[in-house]
């Protein structure tokens, strides 16, 4: 230990004297330095220390800011940014032998010595000052962020506590700063199976980022059981497929399937048994066990939401954040862009926007969103058309492999469209919100979020909704569907197998492409920039000062997490909306999330500048989005079972067999109809055409008077499908309502902590009143308070167990 004490590193960016630590950095060019005198004077008047440095590899100047601790403590009271009271050291006593935990897992990282502030709290305080500091004589000349808009400053960013990885990483953990600990135990792919140290994240980055990773961690935990069950469902389907009538009855028939052709020379009729793999995989994803799994998962989604609420309330109390720290007044950008008029009620000049202007802006924004959604739909149609054209062109050369090749090409095109549109929609949602110009920052943030997710929803889910509910819906019989797109159907089976296969390819390929872009795009851009704009070669080998190194990192903004959160919620939608068709989706989403959360941690901790911390009380508007997806998933899975799948047809066939004494000799007879090839002109021109072929549909045969009309069992089947949808939806909604009532939103430990806080607050108020009365010379009336219970000794109506609540927080014990 003595050896390490001598080598104990000094973390952070310091002034030239090596004693004062810099917390913020303002970057500007030398030409505007004269315009910054008022800013410097006002900052120094508040007690800020300033030091200016020239850049080594850039012509920019760097203004470093330091604030003494006593001034920070005074400002913390003014801005109501609390001071923590305790510190739990990172020593061996806090370690655990659980393989899923790290040394950070049981640290209450927001606590520090009494009278001290964490670096995150210091940054929040300084940020508050910089947001309101005067930099000119005009009234509106406030905030360093307005100076950025006026090109007086290049950028403003908080500084990290030190470099993320260096030679000090070989020292014991107690000598590492928070950023290095997070790099070692959090932003590390080798820790993929470890729990997320949310308290450490909250200490260093603030509640906003900590809540995001807490939700992702909760999401991953809730995916473990669905992943295991989904794999078991698939294994069951594979094991029982050979005995199923849905597979066995078709492969025993020598029937010829009605060919789907675009050209005479490529048109060939195949026996139904040649589609064995299609029937096999459709049954694997569409059987009675799948329905049971779907019901359980519909309920499990509600359980997951309620458990997240409980965890959310625990974190609120632990971190002391029960409300969002948002500005009450209007946004500065709003005030700058609107008219002003005198308000006789307040007797002040107020910002004013005519109602018709607000309506027009909103209509324009909604119209652009609808146009972009239409573009997504056109892209889906384009992919479908491309697949059909490829199939028509390659059938002659690839034969039986054509379908697989075309599907892979279609998935690649779809991923390209998703990634391309995604890049556009992130900026578009902000631009459209700027046009709307909401008055308050909370409304602005919610508008950006909802637009971004709406466009992402259409971009990611449109092809799957098409496959699940639109593909092949207009197909009736050969010869009646001549429109090009109508030739795209799932005959001779259902679209469940096609949907599951596309989900698998899109999820895996999209994530693969996304991870490759995240890992290699910034280094490649940096290499290209270095080769293109190579300057000061002699500095390249030296380590730059920390402030200049961080200036070269990727910039952050208020919506740094919006795209990441949107991606995770999209994954939640893949699991929730389509688990009736793809039981193993949960498993692949879990693998994706485990990789994604470490990748996000690496980006935030290493690739980006330090984000500005925000005091938020939860995940905000995302709660409403997730709740909406959960409710929508009940409907989509009900329709997947009742309309898209074949489980209801299995049951309807069984009922017909029991009631009508085996009217249908097999399940194939029940679901397939016979067609005479002479009744279709196209088939007459094809060589080696059989006399009859079979297609999927419950219709009368060619020998009946009303040939090819809908048969009676069709309406029975439709009736059972509608009943299934109705019963499934109402059962799940009712059961979820009961679960929501049974599972309390607040755990017992949270209620105890809140009760204890209220009692202690009452005690403090009564003590203050007594002291005031004693000072005024009227103590007699308050003598009865001398006999009140001493709550600190366990007396009174409060249960003694409450006295240990704070210790229980530190141990993460949930009662």
Foldseek 3Di string as FASTA:
>chain_A
DVVCVVVQDQWAFADPVPPFHFWKKFKAAPVLVVLQPQVVVQCVVLQKDWDKDAFDFDRIIIITIGHDLVSLLVLCVVLVPDAADAFDALDPVQDDPPPQADSLQLGQLQHDHPSGHFSQSSLQSVQVCQQAGARDDDPLRGHVVVVCVVRSTVDMFTFARHAQDDPCLVPDPRSDDLLVVCVVQPLDLVSLSHQHSLSSCCRGFNDQVSQLSVLLRLLLVLLPVLQVLLVVLLVVLLVCLCVDLLQVVQLVDQFWAQWLADDQVLTDIDGSNVCNVVSSLQSSLFAPSLVVSLLVVLLSLLVSLLVSLQVLLLVCVSVVFAAFPFDPFFDSLLQVPFDWDADPVVRDIDGDDDPVLLVVLVVVLVVVLVVLLVVLLVLLVVLLLVLLVQLNVCCVPPPPCSVVVSLLVSLVSLLVQLVVVLVVQLVSQLVSLSSSRDTTPLVSVVSSLVSSLSSNCSSPCVNLCCLQPPALPPDQDPQPDPDSSNSGHDPPFFSLSVSQVSLVSNLVVNLVVVVCCLVVVVVVVVVVCCVVDPDDVVCVVPDTRSVVVQVPAAEDDPCNCSSVSSVLLVLVLSCLQRCSSHSNSSVSSSVSSSVSSSSVSCCQSHRHGRDNYTRRSHNPCVSVVSVVSSLNSLLNSLCSNLPRGCHLVVVLVVVCCVPVVCPDVGSCSQFKAKEAQVVHPSSVSHPPRDRIHIHGAQFADPVDPPGSHHDPSVVVSNVSSVVSSVVSSVVSVVSSVVVVVVSDSHFPLSVLQVVVVVVVVVVVVLVVVQVVCVVVPRNPVVPVVVPDDDVCVCDDDRHPVSNCSVVCSSSVDGD
